[in-house]
């Protein structure tokens, strides 16, 4: 079952994200903001987490899931869908 999602949540994520990408989990209503630095790691399929801080590893894994999972859509698309565009 999909979560009820407030348009204000989507718009806030878009506003906060600035130069970053924002994704909306359509099942939970949670948003994920991906910085350009983290996104650059997402494309490195051979990335090894030797010596990387746990917080960075977690952000990379969350970003990869947001980009690859059908449970996430870009917030820009979500706002258009919610506005009936």
Protein backbone atom coordinates (compact mmCIF):
# COMPACT_ATOMS: atom_id res chain seq x y z
CA UNK A 1 0.00 0.00 0.00
CA UNK A 2 1.30 3.44 -0.88
CA UNK A 3 1.73 6.11 1.75
CA UNK A 4 -0.28 9.31 1.80
CA UNK A 5 2.13 11.95 0.67
CA UNK A 6 1.78 15.66 1.28
CA UNK A 7 2.67 17.97 -1.57
CA UNK A 8 4.41 20.20 0.98
CA UNK A 9 6.84 17.34 1.77
CA UNK A 10 7.78 17.02 -1.89
CA UNK A 11 8.11 20.76 -2.40
CA UNK A 12 10.23 21.11 0.74
CA UNK A 13 12.61 18.39 -0.47
CA UNK A 14 12.92 20.15 -3.81
CA UNK A 15 13.58 23.49 -2.12
CA UNK A 16 16.19 22.08 0.26
CA UNK A 17 17.91 20.04 -2.42
CA UNK A 18 19.22 23.02 -4.43
CA UNK A 19 21.84 21.55 -6.80
CA UNK A 20 21.13 18.07 -5.49
CA UNK A 21 18.69 15.44 -6.73
CA UNK A 22 15.67 14.69 -4.55
CA UNK A 23 13.71 11.44 -4.70
CA UNK A 24 10.42 10.47 -3.11
CA UNK A 25 9.73 6.97 -1.79
CA UNK A 26 6.14 6.38 -2.90
CA UNK A 27 5.64 3.59 -0.36
CA UNK A 28 6.86 5.43 2.75
CA UNK A 29 6.59 9.11 1.78
CA UNK A 30 10.22 9.68 2.78
CA UNK A 31 12.51 11.79 0.66
CA UNK A 32 16.15 11.20 -0.19
CA UNK A 33 18.42 14.05 -1.20
CA UNK A 34 21.50 13.09 -3.18
CA UNK A 35 24.41 15.51 -3.32
CA UNK A 36 26.58 15.66 -6.45
CA UNK A 37 29.49 14.18 -4.47
CA UNK A 38 27.47 11.18 -3.35
CA UNK A 39 25.99 10.77 -6.82
CA UNK A 40 29.48 10.54 -8.31
CA UNK A 41 30.16 7.53 -6.07
CA UNK A 42 26.94 5.86 -7.24
CA UNK A 43 28.33 5.40 -10.74
CA UNK A 44 31.47 3.67 -9.48
CA UNK A 45 30.37 0.04 -9.45
CA UNK A 46 33.80 -1.08 -8.28
CA UNK A 47 33.78 1.24 -5.27
CA UNK A 48 35.16 -0.38 -2.16
CA UNK A 49 34.34 1.10 1.22
CA UNK A 50 37.84 0.80 2.64
CA UNK A 51 38.31 3.59 5.13
CA UNK A 52 35.18 5.49 4.09
CA UNK A 53 33.11 6.84 6.99
CA UNK A 54 29.95 4.90 7.81
CA UNK A 55 27.76 7.94 7.11
CA UNK A 56 29.13 8.21 3.57
CA UNK A 57 28.65 4.50 2.90
CA UNK A 58 25.05 4.76 4.12
CA UNK A 59 24.36 7.80 1.92
CA UNK A 60 25.79 6.05 -1.13
CA UNK A 61 23.72 2.93 -0.51
CA UNK A 62 20.57 5.02 0.04
CA UNK A 63 21.26 7.01 -3.13
CA UNK A 64 21.81 3.87 -5.20
CA UNK A 65 18.53 2.44 -3.91
CA UNK A 66 16.67 5.68 -4.73
CA UNK A 67 18.06 5.72 -8.26
CA UNK A 68 17.50 2.02 -8.96
CA UNK A 69 14.28 1.13 -7.14
CA UNK A 70 10.77 1.41 -8.55
CA UNK A 71 9.71 2.64 -5.09
CA UNK A 72 11.33 6.04 -5.72
CA UNK A 73 10.48 8.79 -8.17
CA UNK A 74 12.21 12.15 -8.66
CA UNK A 75 10.52 14.83 -6.54
CA UNK A 76 10.15 17.07 -9.58
CA UNK A 77 8.02 14.38 -11.23
CA UNK A 78 6.10 13.79 -7.99
CA UNK A 79 5.17 17.46 -7.72
CA UNK A 80 3.90 17.48 -11.30
CA UNK A 81 1.83 14.34 -10.72
CA UNK A 82 0.37 15.71 -7.48
CA UNK A 83 -0.55 19.00 -9.18
CA UNK A 84 -2.27 17.14 -11.99
CA UNK A 85 0.17 18.32 -14.65
